[in-house]
Amino acid sequence: MAVFLRPSIFTFASSTASYKRPISFSSSFLKFPKMDSHSNLSIASSLSLSSSSSVDEKKNPNRKLPILLFDVMDTLVRDPFYHDIPAFFSMTFQELIDCKHPTAWVDFEKGLINEVELAKVFFKDGRSFDLDGLKNCMKSGFSYLDGVEALLSNLKQNSYEIHAFTNYPVWYNMIEDKLKLSNYLSWTFCSCAIGKRKPEADSYLEVLRQLEVEPDNCIFIDDRMVNVEAAKNAGIVGIQFKGAVALQEELSQLGVETIASLNGQNMNPVLEP
């Protein structure tokens, strides 16, 4: 979201991220060529160990690569802004957009103002509203997107390091309280904590700095193509989220183990298309 609105939600890219170079995470991963015009990955016939993977493995030989970075809103969790919040204010979506302050929500996401300050400037005309009621409305609207929790569970059972990388204010705690995302990932990179937002280049560099990992040993998943493209510009592997089933397939093509098993039986199946 940007200023409580993510404009690109209304403009869907026709394909997932294309890769500028072959991808290799560790000696157990296949090296892939660029995606074709239909965004389908073809698997190369030989194994390749990248120099960046070797460096990262020497730093931490027990670290499983790649590291997975997930956007949260409309990638893992339903965003209540587009329907629930306008209804809370008895407005249409466009009416809400027209009367809200143009930068207040971004400032809140970056941790520059607190929720009390947000309430004072949320509307351009300074009108008051029920802040607690708004928070309760948002919390009631949070839910996992179809198939996502099962996929996260599978990735967690396969011992992948998973981090949230999200533009969201301190209210991410309400998501955690309701959905317990911390069962699967760490809330490491919230804009309110790092003071930077996607698709700012510095936000991706901050992630890499904190993780102490080469960029091509990370996979970033986001529903917004502008954020995926910014990740690619930083050297991070990017996937545009188009549903849990499609994501599972793309991760599998990249060599990520997406199926958890017990005694040969698949556990936590992702929803079928």
C-alpha atoms as a PDB file:
ATOM      1  CA  MET A   1       0.000   0.000   0.000  1.00  0.00           C
ATOM      2  CA  ALA A   2       1.065   3.523  -0.630  1.00  0.00           C
ATOM      3  CA  VAL A   3      -0.837   6.164   1.278  1.00  0.00           C
ATOM      4  CA  PHE A   4      -3.214   3.432   2.235  1.00  0.00           C
ATOM      5  CA  LEU A   5      -3.532   2.590  -1.464  1.00  0.00           C
ATOM      6  CA  ARG A   6      -1.411   0.460  -3.691  1.00  0.00           C
ATOM      7  CA  PRO A   7      -2.301   1.742  -7.179  1.00  0.00           C
ATOM      8  CA  SER A   8      -0.673  -1.127  -9.014  1.00  0.00           C
ATOM      9  CA  ILE A   9      -3.185  -3.525  -7.481  1.00  0.00           C
ATOM     10  CA  PHE A  10      -5.419  -2.436 -10.345  1.00  0.00           C
ATOM     11  CA  THR A  11      -2.793  -3.035 -13.039  1.00  0.00           C
ATOM     12  CA  PHE A  12      -1.731  -6.618 -13.271  1.00  0.00           C
ATOM     13  CA  ALA A  13       1.468  -7.519 -15.079  1.00  0.00           C
ATOM     14  CA  SER A  14       1.145 -10.189 -17.719  1.00  0.00           C
ATOM     15  CA  SER A  15       3.990 -12.317 -16.490  1.00  0.00           C
ATOM     16  CA  THR A  16       6.069 -13.166 -13.461  1.00  0.00           C
ATOM     17  CA  ALA A  17       9.533 -11.750 -13.012  1.00  0.00           C
ATOM     18  CA  SER A  18      12.086 -12.524 -15.703  1.00  0.00           C
ATOM     19  CA  TYR A  19      15.604 -13.259 -14.699  1.00  0.00           C
ATOM     20  CA  LYS A  20      18.613 -11.320 -15.879  1.00  0.00           C
ATOM     21  CA  ARG A  21      21.011 -14.142 -15.118  1.00  0.00           C
ATOM     22  CA  PRO A  22      21.011 -17.832 -14.266  1.00  0.00           C
ATOM     23  CA  ILE A  23      20.127 -18.677 -10.702  1.00  0.00           C
ATOM     24  CA  SER A  24      22.021 -21.036  -8.467  1.00  0.00           C
ATOM     25  CA  PHE A  25      21.596 -21.107  -4.710  1.00  0.00           C
ATOM     26  CA  SER A  26      23.820 -23.959  -3.582  1.00  0.00           C
ATOM     27  CA  SER A  27      25.319 -27.176  -4.853  1.00  0.00           C
ATOM     28  CA  SER A  28      21.968 -28.882  -4.432  1.00  0.00           C
ATOM     29  CA  PHE A  29      20.173 -26.413  -6.710  1.00  0.00           C
ATOM     30  CA  LEU A  30      19.909 -26.533 -10.473  1.00  0.00           C
ATOM     31  CA  LYS A  31      21.054 -23.577 -12.513  1.00  0.00           C
ATOM     32  CA  PHE A  32      18.277 -22.193 -14.702  1.00  0.00           C
ATOM     33  CA  PRO A  33      18.307 -20.254 -17.962  1.00  0.00           C
ATOM     34  CA  LYS A  34      16.227 -17.152 -18.545  1.00  0.00           C
ATOM     35  CA  MET A  35      12.445 -17.484 -18.694  1.00  0.00           C
ATOM     36  CA  ASP A  36      10.859 -17.727 -22.127  1.00  0.00           C
ATOM     37  CA  SER A  37       8.110 -15.475 -23.461  1.00  0.00           C
ATOM     38  CA  HIS A  38       5.472 -17.473 -21.608  1.00  0.00           C
ATOM     39  CA  SER A  39       7.340 -17.115 -18.303  1.00  0.00           C
ATOM     40  CA  ASN A  40       8.027 -20.851 -18.045  1.00  0.00           C
ATOM     41  CA  LEU A  41      11.334 -21.907 -16.548  1.00  0.00           C
ATOM     42  CA  SER A  42      13.208 -24.643 -18.391  1.00  0.00           C
ATOM     43  CA  ILE A  43      15.624 -26.682 -16.300  1.00  0.00           C
ATOM     44  CA  ALA A  44      19.241 -26.762 -17.416  1.00  0.00           C
ATOM     45  CA  SER A  45      20.849 -30.118 -17.885  1.00  0.00           C
ATOM     46  CA  SER A  46      23.831 -29.567 -15.607  1.00  0.00           C
ATOM     47  CA  LEU A  47      24.457 -28.564 -12.010  1.00  0.00           C
ATOM     48  CA  SER A  48      26.282 -25.329 -11.254  1.00  0.00           C
ATOM     49  CA  LEU A  49      27.604 -23.902  -8.019  1.00  0.00           C
ATOM     50  CA  SER A  50      27.606 -20.109  -7.958  1.00  0.00           C
ATOM     51  CA  SER A  51      30.455 -18.229  -6.341  1.00  0.00           C
ATOM     52  CA  SER A  52      28.004 -16.238  -4.221  1.00  0.00           C
ATOM     53  CA  SER A  53      26.514 -19.435  -2.818  1.00  0.00           C
ATOM     54  CA  SER A  54      29.976 -20.691  -1.957  1.00  0.00           C
ATOM     55  CA  VAL A  55      30.721 -17.483  -0.079  1.00  0.00           C
ATOM     56  CA  ASP A  56      27.460 -17.643   1.871  1.00  0.00           C
ATOM     57  CA  GLU A  57      27.916 -21.319   2.665  1.00  0.00           C
ATOM     58  CA  LYS A  58      31.393 -20.627   4.048  1.00  0.00           C
ATOM     59  CA  LYS A  59      29.962 -17.877   6.268  1.00  0.00           C
ATOM     60  CA  ASN A  60      27.244 -20.142   7.637  1.00  0.00           C
ATOM     61  CA  PRO A  61      27.515 -23.761   6.449  1.00  0.00           C
ATOM     62  CA  ASN A  62      24.314 -24.726   8.276  1.00  0.00           C
ATOM     63  CA  ARG A  63      22.183 -22.058   6.587  1.00  0.00           C
ATOM     64  CA  LYS A  64      19.720 -23.488   4.084  1.00  0.00           C
ATOM     65  CA  LEU A  65      19.485 -21.488   0.887  1.00  0.00           C
ATOM     66  CA  PRO A  66      17.666 -19.757  -0.657  1.00  0.00           C
ATOM     67  CA  ILE A  67      16.255 -17.379   1.943  1.00  0.00           C
ATOM     68  CA  LEU A  68      12.585 -16.595   1.282  1.00  0.00           C
ATOM     69  CA  LEU A  69      11.247 -13.043   1.610  1.00  0.00           C
ATOM     70  CA  PHE A  70       7.480 -12.580   1.578  1.00  0.00           C
ATOM     71  CA  ASP A  71       5.363  -9.507   1.153  1.00  0.00           C
ATOM     72  CA  VAL A  72       2.339  -9.806   3.458  1.00  0.00           C
ATOM     73  CA  MET A  73      -0.710  -7.859   2.313  1.00  0.00           C
ATOM     74  CA  ASP A  74      -2.460  -9.488  -0.656  1.00  0.00           C
ATOM     75  CA  THR A  75       0.378 -12.017  -0.855  1.00  0.00           C
ATOM     76  CA  LEU A  76      -0.149 -13.915   2.381  1.00  0.00           C
ATOM     77  CA  VAL A  77      -3.021 -12.024   3.998  1.00  0.00           C
ATOM     78  CA  ARG A  78      -6.197 -10.429   2.660  1.00  0.00           C
ATOM     79  CA  ASP A  79      -6.005  -6.629   2.712  1.00  0.00           C
ATOM     80  CA  PRO A  80      -9.222  -5.193   4.228  1.00  0.00           C
ATOM     81  CA  PHE A  81      -8.633  -1.702   2.869  1.00  0.00           C
ATOM     82  CA  TYR A  82     -10.385  -2.017  -0.458  1.00  0.00           C
ATOM     83  CA  HIS A  83     -13.771  -3.131   0.845  1.00  0.00           C
ATOM     84  CA  ASP A  84     -13.974  -3.189   4.647  1.00  0.00           C
ATOM     85  CA  ILE A  85     -12.507   0.233   5.404  1.00  0.00           C
ATOM     86  CA  PRO A  86     -14.663   2.253   2.971  1.00  0.00           C
ATOM     87  CA  ALA A  87     -17.694   0.493   4.453  1.00  0.00           C
ATOM     88  CA  PHE A  88     -16.535   1.401   7.967  1.00  0.00           C
ATOM     89  CA  PHE A  89     -16.530   5.076   6.980  1.00  0.00           C
ATOM     90  CA  SER A  90     -19.821   4.715   5.032  1.00  0.00           C
ATOM     91  CA  MET A  91     -18.006   5.740   1.867  1.00  0.00           C
ATOM     92  CA  THR A  92     -17.258   4.335  -1.505  1.00  0.00           C
ATOM     93  CA  PHE A  93     -13.666   3.383  -2.155  1.00  0.00           C
ATOM     94  CA  GLN A  94     -13.113   6.422  -4.372  1.00  0.00           C
ATOM     95  CA  GLU A  95     -14.657   8.769  -1.806  1.00  0.00           C
ATOM     96  CA  LEU A  96     -12.206   7.497   0.785  1.00  0.00           C
ATOM     97  CA  ILE A  97      -9.273   7.991  -1.564  1.00  0.00           C
ATOM     98  CA  ASP A  98     -10.379  11.530  -2.368  1.00  0.00           C
ATOM     99  CA  CYS A  99     -10.679  12.704   1.234  1.00  0.00           C
ATOM    100  CA  LYS A 100      -7.791  10.994   3.016  1.00  0.00           C
ATOM    101  CA  HIS A 101      -4.479  12.748   3.603  1.00  0.00           C
ATOM    102  CA  PRO A 102      -2.019  12.029   0.768  1.00  0.00           C
ATOM    103  CA  THR A 103       1.000  11.109   2.916  1.00  0.00           C
ATOM    104  CA  ALA A 104      -0.258  10.240   6.408  1.00  0.00           C
ATOM    105  CA  TRP A 105      -0.441   6.483   5.868  1.00  0.00           C
ATOM    106  CA  VAL A 106       3.020   6.331   4.287  1.00  0.00           C
ATOM    107  CA  ASP A 107       4.411   8.235   7.266  1.00  0.00           C
ATOM    108  CA  PHE A 108       2.685   5.739   9.570  1.00  0.00           C
ATOM    109  CA  GLU A 109       4.112   2.816   7.602  1.00  0.00           C
ATOM    110  CA  LYS A 110       7.616   4.250   7.915  1.00  0.00           C
ATOM    111  CA  GLY A 111       7.259   4.775  11.656  1.00  0.00           C
ATOM    112  CA  LEU A 112       7.450   8.559  11.361  1.00  0.00           C
ATOM    113  CA  ILE A 113       4.156   9.063  13.207  1.00  0.00           C
ATOM    114  CA  ASN A 114       2.231   6.958  15.724  1.00  0.00           C
ATOM    115  CA  GLU A 115      -1.412   5.911  15.539  1.00  0.00           C
ATOM    116  CA  VAL A 116      -2.636   8.887  17.594  1.00  0.00           C
ATOM    117  CA  GLU A 117      -0.906  11.260  15.204  1.00  0.00           C
ATOM    118  CA  LEU A 118      -2.308   9.285  12.278  1.00  0.00           C
ATOM    119  CA  ALA A 119      -5.849   9.736  13.582  1.00  0.00           C
ATOM    120  CA  LYS A 120      -5.366  13.510  13.694  1.00  0.00           C
ATOM    121  CA  VAL A 121      -4.278  13.787  10.066  1.00  0.00           C
ATOM    122  CA  PHE A 122      -5.834  10.752   8.379  1.00  0.00           C
ATOM    123  CA  PHE A 123      -8.459  12.913   6.662  1.00  0.00           C
ATOM    124  CA  LYS A 124      -7.417  16.040   4.806  1.00  0.00           C
ATOM    125  CA  ASP A 125     -10.071  18.093   6.610  1.00  0.00           C
ATOM    126  CA  GLY A 126      -8.946  16.869  10.039  1.00  0.00           C
ATOM    127  CA  ARG A 127     -12.247  15.223  10.939  1.00  0.00           C
ATOM    128  CA  SER A 128     -12.215  12.839  13.891  1.00  0.00           C
ATOM    129  CA  PHE A 129     -13.166   9.168  13.776  1.00  0.00           C
ATOM    130  CA  ASP A 130     -13.269   6.068  15.954  1.00  0.00           C
ATOM    131  CA  LEU A 131      -9.664   4.857  15.846  1.00  0.00           C
ATOM    132  CA  ASP A 132     -10.340   1.722  17.880  1.00  0.00           C
ATOM    133  CA  GLY A 133     -13.298   0.938  15.648  1.00  0.00           C
ATOM    134  CA  LEU A 134     -11.096   1.244  12.569  1.00  0.00           C
ATOM    135  CA  LYS A 135      -8.499  -1.078  14.078  1.00  0.00           C
ATOM    136  CA  ASN A 136     -11.151  -3.656  14.967  1.00  0.00           C
ATOM    137  CA  CYS A 137     -12.551  -3.438  11.436  1.00  0.00           C
ATOM    138  CA  MET A 138      -9.143  -4.084   9.966  1.00  0.00           C
ATOM    139  CA  LYS A 139      -8.381  -6.963  12.302  1.00  0.00           C
ATOM    140  CA  SER A 140     -11.671  -8.668  11.496  1.00  0.00           C
ATOM    141  CA  GLY A 141     -10.805  -8.437   7.792  1.00  0.00           C
ATOM    142  CA  PHE A 142      -7.437 -10.169   8.051  1.00  0.00           C
ATOM    143  CA  SER A 143      -7.391 -13.755   6.792  1.00  0.00           C
ATOM    144  CA  TYR A 144      -4.959 -16.052   5.025  1.00  0.00           C
ATOM    145  CA  LEU A 145      -5.302 -16.156   1.261  1.00  0.00           C
ATOM    146  CA  ASP A 146      -6.319 -19.547  -0.119  1.00  0.00           C
ATOM    147  CA  GLY A 147      -3.597 -22.162   0.126  1.00  0.00           C
ATOM    148  CA  VAL A 148      -0.999 -19.819   1.596  1.00  0.00           C
ATOM    149  CA  GLU A 149      -0.859 -21.184   5.126  1.00  0.00           C
ATOM    150  CA  ALA A 150      -0.367 -24.735   3.857  1.00  0.00           C
ATOM    151  CA  LEU A 151       2.471 -23.594   1.605  1.00  0.00           C
ATOM    152  CA  LEU A 152       4.134 -21.660   4.430  1.00  0.00           C
ATOM    153  CA  SER A 153       3.833 -24.696   6.663  1.00  0.00           C
ATOM    154  CA  ASN A 154       5.481 -26.891   4.035  1.00  0.00           C
ATOM    155  CA  LEU A 155       8.342 -24.438   3.570  1.00  0.00           C
ATOM    156  CA  LYS A 156       8.826 -24.185   7.316  1.00  0.00           C
ATOM    157  CA  GLN A 157       8.873 -27.981   7.678  1.00  0.00           C
ATOM    158  CA  ASN A 158      11.552 -28.070   4.996  1.00  0.00           C
ATOM    159  CA  SER A 159      13.684 -25.781   7.198  1.00  0.00           C
ATOM    160  CA  TYR A 160      13.744 -22.696   4.997  1.00  0.00           C
ATOM    161  CA  GLU A 161      14.568 -19.326   6.531  1.00  0.00           C
ATOM    162  CA  ILE A 162      11.502 -17.154   5.905  1.00  0.00           C
ATOM    163  CA  HIS A 163      11.106 -13.425   6.566  1.00  0.00           C
ATOM    164  CA  ALA A 164       8.306 -10.923   6.120  1.00  0.00           C
ATOM    165  CA  PHE A 165       9.354  -7.976   3.942  1.00  0.00           C
ATOM    166  CA  THR A 166       6.352  -5.689   4.052  1.00  0.00           C
ATOM    167  CA  ASN A 167       5.186  -2.091   3.882  1.00  0.00           C
ATOM    168  CA  TYR A 168       3.094  -1.937   7.030  1.00  0.00           C
ATOM    169  CA  PRO A 169       2.832   0.072  10.244  1.00  0.00           C
ATOM    170  CA  VAL A 170       3.023  -1.216  13.788  1.00  0.00           C
ATOM    171  CA  TRP A 171      -0.468  -2.612  13.244  1.00  0.00           C
ATOM    172  CA  TYR A 172       1.222  -5.702  11.825  1.00  0.00           C
ATOM    173  CA  ASN A 173       0.879  -6.830  15.439  1.00  0.00           C
ATOM    174  CA  MET A 174      -2.864  -7.167  14.824  1.00  0.00           C
ATOM    175  CA  ILE A 175      -2.161  -9.546  11.944  1.00  0.00           C
ATOM    176  CA  GLU A 176       0.142 -11.554  14.166  1.00  0.00           C
ATOM    177  CA  ASP A 177      -2.388 -11.654  17.010  1.00  0.00           C
ATOM    178  CA  LYS A 178      -5.046 -13.077  14.719  1.00  0.00           C
ATOM    179  CA  LEU A 179      -3.158 -15.283  12.252  1.00  0.00           C
ATOM    180  CA  LYS A 180       0.098 -16.166  14.059  1.00  0.00           C
ATOM    181  CA  LEU A 181       2.320 -15.741  11.013  1.00  0.00           C
ATOM    182  CA  SER A 182       5.283 -16.117  13.345  1.00  0.00           C
ATOM    183  CA  ASN A 183       4.569 -19.848  13.308  1.00  0.00           C
ATOM    184  CA  TYR A 184       6.088 -19.777   9.821  1.00  0.00           C
ATOM    185  CA  LEU A 185       8.187 -16.638   9.421  1.00  0.00           C
ATOM    186  CA  SER A 186       9.961 -13.829  11.203  1.00  0.00           C
ATOM    187  CA  TRP A 187       8.551 -10.292  11.082  1.00  0.00           C
ATOM    188  CA  THR A 188      12.048  -9.041  10.301  1.00  0.00           C
ATOM    189  CA  PHE A 189      11.594  -6.392   7.642  1.00  0.00           C
ATOM    190  CA  CYS A 190       8.547  -4.244   8.379  1.00  0.00           C
ATOM    191  CA  SER A 191       8.740  -0.719   7.017  1.00  0.00           C
ATOM    192  CA  CYS A 192       7.779   0.713  10.405  1.00  0.00           C
ATOM    193  CA  ALA A 193      10.905  -0.886  11.902  1.00  0.00           C
ATOM    194  CA  ILE A 194      13.477  -0.303   9.157  1.00  0.00           C
ATOM    195  CA  GLY A 195      12.160   3.124   8.125  1.00  0.00           C
ATOM    196  CA  LYS A 196      12.169   2.230   4.437  1.00  0.00           C
ATOM    197  CA  ARG A 197       9.463   1.119   2.035  1.00  0.00           C
ATOM    198  CA  LYS A 198       9.361  -0.961  -1.124  1.00  0.00           C
ATOM    199  CA  PRO A 199      10.098  -0.250  -3.921  1.00  0.00           C
ATOM    200  CA  GLU A 200      12.792   2.102  -2.573  1.00  0.00           C
ATOM    201  CA  ALA A 201      16.170   0.634  -3.502  1.00  0.00           C
ATOM    202  CA  ASP A 202      17.482   1.229   0.016  1.00  0.00           C
ATOM    203  CA  SER A 203      14.862  -1.099   1.483  1.00  0.00           C
ATOM    204  CA  TYR A 204      16.253  -4.064  -0.472  1.00  0.00           C
ATOM    205  CA  LEU A 205      19.835  -3.131   0.379  1.00  0.00           C
ATOM    206  CA  GLU A 206      18.878  -2.970   4.050  1.00  0.00           C
ATOM    207  CA  VAL A 207      17.456  -6.490   3.849  1.00  0.00           C
ATOM    208  CA  LEU A 208      20.651  -7.814   2.289  1.00  0.00           C
ATOM    209  CA  ARG A 209      22.785  -5.968   4.826  1.00  0.00           C
ATOM    210  CA  GLN A 210      20.924  -7.455   7.772  1.00  0.00           C
ATOM    211  CA  LEU A 211      20.823 -10.962   6.328  1.00  0.00           C
ATOM    212  CA  GLU A 212      24.508 -10.855   5.348  1.00  0.00           C
ATOM    213  CA  VAL A 213      23.789 -12.854   2.215  1.00  0.00           C
ATOM    214  CA  GLU A 214      24.386 -12.455  -1.507  1.00  0.00           C
ATOM    215  CA  PRO A 215      21.253 -11.156  -3.296  1.00  0.00           C
ATOM    216  CA  ASP A 216      20.885 -14.127  -5.648  1.00  0.00           C
ATOM    217  CA  ASN A 217      20.560 -16.397  -2.625  1.00  0.00           C
ATOM    218  CA  CYS A 218      17.236 -14.731  -1.792  1.00  0.00           C
ATOM    219  CA  ILE A 219      13.809 -15.179  -3.381  1.00  0.00           C
ATOM    220  CA  PHE A 220      11.319 -12.337  -2.946  1.00  0.00           C
ATOM    221  CA  ILE A 221       7.565 -12.839  -3.451  1.00  0.00           C
ATOM    222  CA  ASP A 222       5.155  -9.906  -3.811  1.00  0.00           C
ATOM    223  CA  ASP A 223       1.820  -9.317  -5.537  1.00  0.00           C
ATOM    224  CA  ARG A 224       3.006  -5.960  -6.921  1.00  0.00           C
ATOM    225  CA  MET A 225       5.204  -6.154  -9.982  1.00  0.00           C
ATOM    226  CA  VAL A 226       6.859  -2.801  -9.224  1.00  0.00           C
ATOM    227  CA  ASN A 227       8.234  -4.306  -6.011  1.00  0.00           C
ATOM    228  CA  VAL A 228       9.359  -7.458  -7.799  1.00  0.00           C
ATOM    229  CA  GLU A 229      11.181  -5.403 -10.438  1.00  0.00           C
ATOM    230  CA  ALA A 230      12.926  -3.392  -7.723  1.00  0.00           C
ATOM    231  CA  ALA A 231      14.065  -6.637  -6.101  1.00  0.00           C
ATOM    232  CA  LYS A 232      15.466  -7.829  -9.428  1.00  0.00           C
ATOM    233  CA  ASN A 233      17.336  -4.555  -9.798  1.00  0.00           C
ATOM    234  CA  ALA A 234      19.009  -5.339  -6.466  1.00  0.00           C
ATOM    235  CA  GLY A 235      20.010  -8.779  -7.754  1.00  0.00           C
ATOM    236  CA  ILE A 236      17.341 -10.639  -5.775  1.00  0.00           C
ATOM    237  CA  VAL A 237      15.297 -13.359  -7.471  1.00  0.00           C
ATOM    238  CA  GLY A 238      11.720 -12.083  -7.805  1.00  0.00           C
ATOM    239  CA  ILE A 239       8.348 -13.786  -8.210  1.00  0.00           C
ATOM    240  CA  GLN A 240       5.043 -11.995  -8.653  1.00  0.00           C
ATOM    241  CA  PHE A 241       2.410 -13.669  -6.489  1.00  0.00           C
ATOM    242  CA  LYS A 242      -0.575 -14.952  -8.493  1.00  0.00           C
ATOM    243  CA  GLY A 243      -1.920 -17.519  -6.052  1.00  0.00           C
ATOM    244  CA  ALA A 244      -0.561 -20.264  -3.820  1.00  0.00           C
ATOM    245  CA  VAL A 245      -0.670 -23.009  -6.444  1.00  0.00           C
ATOM    246  CA  ALA A 246       1.213 -20.943  -9.037  1.00  0.00           C
ATOM    247  CA  LEU A 247       3.735 -19.880  -6.407  1.00  0.00           C
ATOM    248  CA  GLN A 248       4.343 -23.466  -5.336  1.00  0.00           C
ATOM    249  CA  GLU A 249       5.045 -24.403  -8.953  1.00  0.00           C
ATOM    250  CA  GLU A 250       7.448 -21.508  -9.497  1.00  0.00           C
ATOM    251  CA  LEU A 251       9.320 -22.185  -6.269  1.00  0.00           C
ATOM    252  CA  SER A 252       9.609 -25.851  -7.206  1.00  0.00           C
ATOM    253  CA  GLN A 253      11.055 -24.885 -10.592  1.00  0.00           C
ATOM    254  CA  LEU A 254      13.690 -22.909  -8.704  1.00  0.00           C
ATOM    255  CA  GLY A 255      14.646 -25.981  -6.700  1.00  0.00           C
ATOM    256  CA  VAL A 256      12.804 -25.028  -3.517  1.00  0.00           C
ATOM    257  CA  GLU A 257      11.292 -27.960  -1.638  1.00  0.00           C
ATOM    258  CA  THR A 258       7.608 -27.052  -1.375  1.00  0.00           C
ATOM    259  CA  ILE A 259       6.098 -30.352  -0.258  1.00  0.00           C
ATOM    260  CA  ALA A 260       6.441 -31.547   3.312  1.00  0.00           C
ATOM    261  CA  SER A 261       6.225 -35.302   3.713  1.00  0.00           C
ATOM    262  CA  LEU A 262       5.926 -37.869   6.461  1.00  0.00           C
ATOM    263  CA  ASN A 263       6.570 -41.542   5.715  1.00  0.00           C
ATOM    264  CA  GLY A 264       6.240 -40.860   2.004  1.00  0.00           C
ATOM    265  CA  GLN A 265       2.880 -39.102   2.286  1.00  0.00           C
ATOM    266  CA  ASN A 266       2.441 -35.455   1.350  1.00  0.00           C
ATOM    267  CA  MET A 267       1.387 -33.202   4.190  1.00  0.00           C
ATOM    268  CA  ASN A 268      -0.460 -29.864   4.118  1.00  0.00           C
ATOM    269  CA  PRO A 269      -1.439 -29.967   0.440  1.00  0.00           C
ATOM    270  CA  VAL A 270      -1.810 -26.609  -1.264  1.00  0.00           C
ATOM    271  CA  LEU A 271      -5.233 -26.032  -2.824  1.00  0.00           C
ATOM    272  CA  GLU A 272      -5.641 -27.349  -6.342  1.00  0.00           C
ATOM    273  CA  PRO A 273      -6.479 -24.820  -9.077  1.00  0.00           C
END
